[in-house]
Structure formats: structure tokens, C-alpha cells
Protein backbone atom coordinates (compact mmCIF):
# COMPACT_ATOMS: atom_id res chain seq x y z
CA MET A 1 -31.96 -7.28 110.72
CA LYS A 2 -34.32 -4.98 108.92
CA ALA A 3 -36.77 -3.37 111.31
CA ILE A 4 -40.36 -4.12 110.32
CA VAL A 5 -42.75 -3.04 113.03
CA GLU A 6 -46.46 -3.44 112.44
CA ALA A 7 -49.01 -2.01 114.87
CA ALA A 8 -51.98 -4.28 115.47
CA ALA A 9 -54.18 -1.56 116.95
CA ALA A 10 -55.03 0.42 113.82
CA GLY A 11 -58.67 -0.59 114.06
CA VAL A 12 -58.94 0.91 117.54
CA VAL A 13 -58.31 4.46 116.35
CA SER A 14 -60.83 4.16 113.51
CA ALA A 15 -63.45 2.87 115.94
CA TRP A 16 -62.99 5.90 118.17
CA ALA A 17 -63.43 8.19 115.15
CA LEU A 18 -67.01 6.95 114.89
CA ALA A 19 -67.92 8.27 118.35
CA ALA A 20 -71.17 10.18 118.46
CA ALA A 21 -70.93 13.85 117.50
CA GLY A 22 -70.60 16.07 120.54
CA ALA A 23 -69.51 13.26 122.81
CA GLU A 24 -66.35 13.54 124.88
CA PRO A 25 -63.39 12.13 122.92
CA PRO A 26 -62.41 8.71 124.29
CA PRO A 27 -58.93 8.17 125.70
CA GLN A 28 -56.44 7.34 122.96
CA VAL A 29 -54.35 4.23 123.54
CA LYS A 30 -51.99 3.30 120.71
CA MET A 31 -49.72 0.31 120.22
CA PRO A 32 -46.29 1.76 121.08
CA GLU A 33 -43.11 1.42 119.06
CA PRO A 34 -40.77 -1.14 120.70
CA GLY A 35 -37.55 0.69 119.78
CA VAL A 36 -35.96 -2.58 118.58
CA PRO A 37 -36.30 -4.62 115.37
CA GLN A 38 -39.47 -6.70 115.63
CA ILE A 39 -41.68 -8.26 112.99
CA MET A 40 -45.04 -8.11 114.71
CA THR A 41 -46.95 -7.37 117.88
CA LEU A 42 -50.19 -9.33 118.30
CA GLN A 43 -52.83 -8.48 120.85
CA GLY A 44 -55.88 -9.85 122.56
CA ARG A 45 -57.61 -7.91 125.32
CA TYR A 46 -55.17 -9.01 128.05
CA VAL A 47 -52.77 -11.07 125.94
CA ARG A 48 -49.78 -9.79 123.97
CA ALA A 49 -47.31 -11.57 121.70
CA ALA A 50 -44.22 -10.15 120.02
CA TYR A 51 -41.51 -11.79 117.96
CA ASN A 52 -38.60 -11.32 115.60
CA ASN A 53 -36.56 -13.71 113.46
CA GLU A 54 -34.97 -15.25 116.57
CA GLY A 55 -37.49 -15.46 119.39
CA TYR A 56 -41.19 -15.39 120.23
CA VAL A 57 -42.73 -14.17 123.50
CA ILE A 58 -46.36 -14.25 124.61
CA LEU A 59 -47.79 -12.95 127.88
CA GLY A 60 -51.08 -12.73 129.73
CA TYR A 61 -51.69 -9.88 132.17
CA ARG A 62 -55.36 -9.78 133.16
CA ILE A 63 -54.40 -10.03 136.85
CA VAL A 64 -52.05 -7.03 136.46
CA ASN A 65 -54.88 -4.82 135.26
CA LEU A 66 -56.77 -5.79 138.43
CA SER A 67 -53.83 -5.16 140.76
CA VAL A 68 -53.16 -1.43 140.44
CA GLY A 69 -51.31 -0.11 143.49
CA GLU A 70 -50.10 -3.53 144.62
CA PRO A 71 -46.34 -4.07 145.15
CA TRP A 72 -45.93 -7.29 143.14
CA MET A 73 -46.74 -8.03 139.50
CA LEU A 74 -47.52 -11.50 138.15
CA LEU A 75 -47.19 -12.21 134.43
CA GLU A 76 -48.02 -15.45 132.68
CA VAL A 77 -45.46 -15.90 129.92
CA GLY A 78 -44.41 -18.21 127.12
CA PHE A 79 -41.09 -18.31 125.23
CA ALA A 80 -40.06 -20.07 122.03
CA LEU A 81 -37.30 -19.92 119.46
CA ARG A 82 -38.12 -19.51 115.79
CA ASP A 83 -37.69 -22.46 113.47
CA GLY A 84 -34.03 -23.24 112.77
CA VAL A 85 -32.61 -21.02 115.53
CA PRO A 86 -29.84 -22.69 117.60
CA ASP A 87 -30.62 -23.80 121.17
CA TYR A 88 -30.37 -21.07 123.80
CA ALA A 89 -30.25 -21.03 127.61
CA LEU A 90 -32.49 -18.16 128.79
CA THR A 91 -31.20 -16.96 132.18
CA ARG A 92 -32.78 -14.80 134.88
CA ASP A 93 -30.80 -11.72 133.90
CA ALA A 94 -32.27 -11.89 130.38
CA LEU A 95 -35.64 -10.74 131.75
CA SER A 96 -36.72 -7.30 132.94
CA LEU A 97 -39.77 -5.08 133.26
CA SER A 98 -39.99 -1.47 132.05
CA THR A 99 -42.57 0.68 133.86
CA PRO A 100 -44.39 3.88 132.84
CA ASP A 101 -42.06 6.05 134.95
CA GLY A 102 -39.03 4.91 132.94
CA LYS A 103 -37.63 2.40 135.43
CA THR A 104 -36.27 -1.00 134.39
CA ILE A 105 -36.84 -3.67 137.03
CA PRO A 106 -34.88 -6.95 137.06
CA LEU A 107 -36.34 -10.32 137.89
CA PRO A 108 -36.16 -10.71 141.69
CA SER A 109 -34.33 -13.49 143.49
CA VAL A 110 -36.10 -16.63 144.66
CA GLU A 111 -35.41 -15.52 148.24
CA ALA A 112 -37.17 -12.17 147.72
CA TYR A 113 -40.11 -13.91 146.06
CA ARG A 114 -40.52 -16.38 148.92
CA LYS A 115 -40.22 -13.68 151.56
CA ALA A 116 -43.07 -11.71 149.95
CA ASN A 117 -45.62 -14.54 150.52
CA LEU A 118 -47.63 -14.16 147.31
CA ASP A 119 -50.15 -16.96 147.92
CA ALA A 120 -53.15 -14.60 147.68
CA LEU A 121 -51.94 -13.13 144.38
CA LYS A 122 -51.36 -16.59 142.90
CA ALA A 123 -54.80 -17.78 144.04
CA ARG A 124 -56.49 -14.78 142.38
CA GLU A 125 -54.57 -15.37 139.18
CA LYS A 126 -55.99 -18.88 138.85
CA VAL A 127 -59.48 -17.45 138.27
CA GLN A 128 -58.50 -14.17 136.57
CA ARG A 129 -56.46 -15.32 133.60
CA ASP A 130 -56.46 -15.93 129.85
CA SER A 131 -54.88 -18.79 127.95
CA ILE A 132 -51.47 -18.04 126.44
CA ASN A 133 -50.92 -21.47 124.92
CA TYR A 134 -50.43 -20.12 121.40
CA PHE A 135 -47.06 -20.74 119.77
CA PRO A 136 -45.53 -20.95 116.31
CA PRO A 137 -46.10 -24.43 114.79
CA ASN A 138 -42.43 -25.40 115.14
CA ALA A 139 -42.78 -25.25 118.96
CA TYR A 140 -44.84 -28.42 119.39
CA ARG A 141 -43.45 -29.69 122.72
CA ALA A 142 -44.01 -28.10 126.14
CA CYS A 143 -41.55 -27.12 128.85
CA ARG A 144 -41.63 -25.33 132.20
CA ILE A 145 -40.37 -21.85 133.00
CA GLY A 146 -39.22 -22.47 136.55
CA PHE A 147 -37.52 -19.32 137.80
CA PHE A 148 -39.72 -19.36 140.91
CA ALA A 149 -40.84 -22.12 143.27
CA ASP A 150 -42.07 -22.22 146.85
CA LEU A 151 -40.39 -24.30 149.56
CA GLU A 152 -43.28 -26.76 149.62
CA ASP A 153 -43.28 -27.25 145.83
CA ARG A 154 -42.03 -30.56 144.47
CA ALA A 155 -40.32 -28.76 141.57
CA LEU A 156 -37.16 -26.77 142.31
CA PRO A 157 -36.51 -23.23 141.01
CA TRP A 158 -34.22 -22.98 138.00
CA ASP A 159 -31.72 -20.29 137.04
CA LYS A 160 -32.26 -20.85 133.33
CA VAL A 161 -34.66 -22.29 130.77
CA GLU A 162 -33.25 -24.41 127.95
CA LEU A 163 -34.96 -23.26 124.77
CA THR A 164 -34.96 -25.14 121.48
CA SER A 165 -36.89 -24.46 118.30
CA GLN A 166 -39.16 -27.43 119.08
CA VAL A 167 -40.44 -26.32 122.51
CA GLY A 168 -42.82 -23.71 123.80
CA CYS A 169 -42.07 -22.96 127.45
CA VAL A 170 -44.70 -21.50 129.80
CA GLY A 171 -44.70 -20.28 133.38
CA ARG A 172 -45.05 -17.31 135.71
CA LEU A 173 -42.82 -14.30 136.22
CA PHE A 174 -42.95 -12.05 139.29
CA PHE A 175 -41.64 -8.50 139.63
CA ALA A 176 -41.44 -6.32 142.74
CA VAL A 177 -42.69 -2.89 141.63
CA PRO A 178 -41.50 0.07 143.76
CA GLY A 179 -44.47 2.29 144.60
CA GLY A 180 -46.95 -0.30 143.32
CA ILE A 181 -48.37 -1.16 139.90
CA ALA A 182 -49.35 2.00 137.99
CA TYR A 183 -51.62 2.73 135.06
CA GLY A 184 -49.89 3.17 131.72
CA GLN A 185 -47.47 1.55 129.31
CA HIS A 186 -45.27 -1.35 130.44
CA TRP A 187 -42.82 -3.61 128.59
CA LEU A 188 -41.58 -7.11 129.23
CA ASN A 189 -38.00 -7.27 127.91
CA VAL A 190 -36.58 -10.65 126.85
CA LYS A 191 -32.97 -10.98 125.67
CA PHE A 192 -32.28 -13.82 123.27
CA ALA A 193 -28.77 -14.72 122.10
CA LYS A 194 -28.57 -12.06 119.38
CA SER A 195 -31.61 -9.83 119.85
CA LEU A 196 -34.11 -8.28 122.23
CA VAL A 197 -37.88 -8.78 122.10
CA ARG A 198 -40.00 -6.17 123.90
CA VAL A 199 -43.63 -7.05 124.58
CA PRO A 200 -45.86 -4.03 125.23
CA PHE A 201 -48.77 -4.23 127.65
CA ARG A 202 -50.80 -1.37 129.04
CA VAL A 203 -52.47 -1.23 132.43
CA LEU A 204 -55.74 0.43 131.51
CA THR A 205 -57.87 2.91 133.38
CA LYS A 206 -61.57 2.06 133.62
CA ALA A 207 -62.40 4.49 130.80
CA GLU A 208 -59.70 3.06 128.53
CA ASP A 209 -60.79 -0.49 129.26
CA GLU A 210 -64.41 0.23 128.40
CA HIS A 211 -63.56 1.88 125.08
CA LEU A 212 -61.14 -0.85 124.05
CA GLU A 213 -63.28 -3.82 125.08
CA GLU A 214 -64.61 -4.60 121.61
CA ASN A 215 -61.48 -3.70 119.66
CA PHE A 216 -59.07 -6.52 120.40
CA GLY A 217 -59.00 -9.56 118.13
CA ASP A 218 -58.80 -13.27 118.85
CA ILE A 219 -55.16 -13.92 119.77
CA LYS A 220 -55.26 -17.53 118.53
CA LYS A 221 -56.45 -16.45 115.09
CA GLN A 222 -53.71 -13.82 114.94
CA VAL A 223 -50.98 -16.31 115.83
CA ASP A 224 -52.34 -18.89 113.37
CA GLU A 225 -52.42 -16.30 110.60
CA ALA A 226 -48.96 -14.95 111.37
CA PHE A 227 -47.32 -18.39 111.14
CA LYS A 228 -49.50 -19.89 108.43
CA LYS A 229 -47.51 -21.88 105.90
CA LYS A 230 -47.36 -20.18 102.53
CA THR A 231 -48.75 -22.20 99.66
CA LYS A 232 -46.69 -22.56 96.53
CA SER A 233 -48.12 -20.78 93.54
């Protein structure tokens, strides 16, 4: 697959260049290179989407940016296959988190998740979140990502998610972060049958967040534009 990586943050750098003369230069935060073949990375303020010719991944991480120093990370995620791609069973070991210190953290077991008692984190996330319900048009049916479930939940935890090109699956992922959540560049890594999609998301300092506030586009518009049907000339 030919690597075509497009950074969606070009407008951010140009905005910083217009800073008032004599002012302190703002912190520079660039969209990083994923290191794997990807077509596009799309970004809202706390929403990221990345995809290639096989798979599509979207995530929301507002709660992460408000949880610096805490030992557990919660990500809202969505997965889909591209149109025409064969069905695929996404398993727990296909998911990992890369942290700013170079560590790669696997998805924890259901037992470890339950032992951690994350009720407070989940309650906060309900009011500190952004919609991630934006998928390619071929993914018109919904499904659950059920890697985690509490004992009192009616739904059971699953060890895999059955993906087809007609479904967009959504749910929560949890990662235990040694030393606590840190500022800086993170990656959600998702292995599909033949490729890897890496979704970049950055935990911002207060100064970075303030300078970037007006420079992220509408994620829905970006997804709609990326998957817009081409008209015949």
C-alpha cells in the first residue's frame, strides 16, 4: 500500500505565525507522523480519526486531557471496516496504547478493570465527552464494543468484536497507565487483518490547549468531506 499521510494541522502553525510581535512564541504542537501507511488523520479539539484502505478508527479523549496524573485512561472509540473489506474479528490483543515515554501498553484484562473500581471515572466521562458517532457512509448499522463490563451489567464482556463493512462499532476502552497519565503525544494502535491504524492524540498542557482552542475543525464536516461520493464528470 502506498503511504499517503496528510497532516490536518497545517492551519495551526500558520495561526501561530500571526502572533503579536514581541510576544512569547506559543508552544508548537504538530500532527505527528504515524510511521505506518495511512490515508488521513482528521481532528476535532478532543476527537481524532485515522484510516487506511482497510480500517477506520475514531476516538474521543476529552476526559483524558482532564485526568493528568491518574492511573487509568478512558477512551471512547469507534471502529469500522472500509467498503468491500472482508469481515474481521477484532480481538483484545489487537489494541494497545503508546505513551510519550515510549511504552506500549496492552488492553488490560476484565479482572484488572473490575478490581480498579472505575465508577468515578466513568461518571465524569458522561458529562465530559464529545460525540464520536461519525463513520464512513458504508458503516450504517451500529454495534457494541464490549471488551469491558461490570459484574452488575446485563451485557457480558466480549473477547472480540465482529466487524463488517456495514457496521460502525462504538464503546469504551480502558488502559492502566504506569506512573499516571502524562502530558504529550499518545497513540491508540489498532491492528486490522492486514494493516495497522495508529490514531494520534495529545494530552495538552494548559498553554497548548489555549493556543489550539480555535484551530481545530468540525470533525463531522471532515469525515463527510473525506468520504464524499465523487460525481462523474
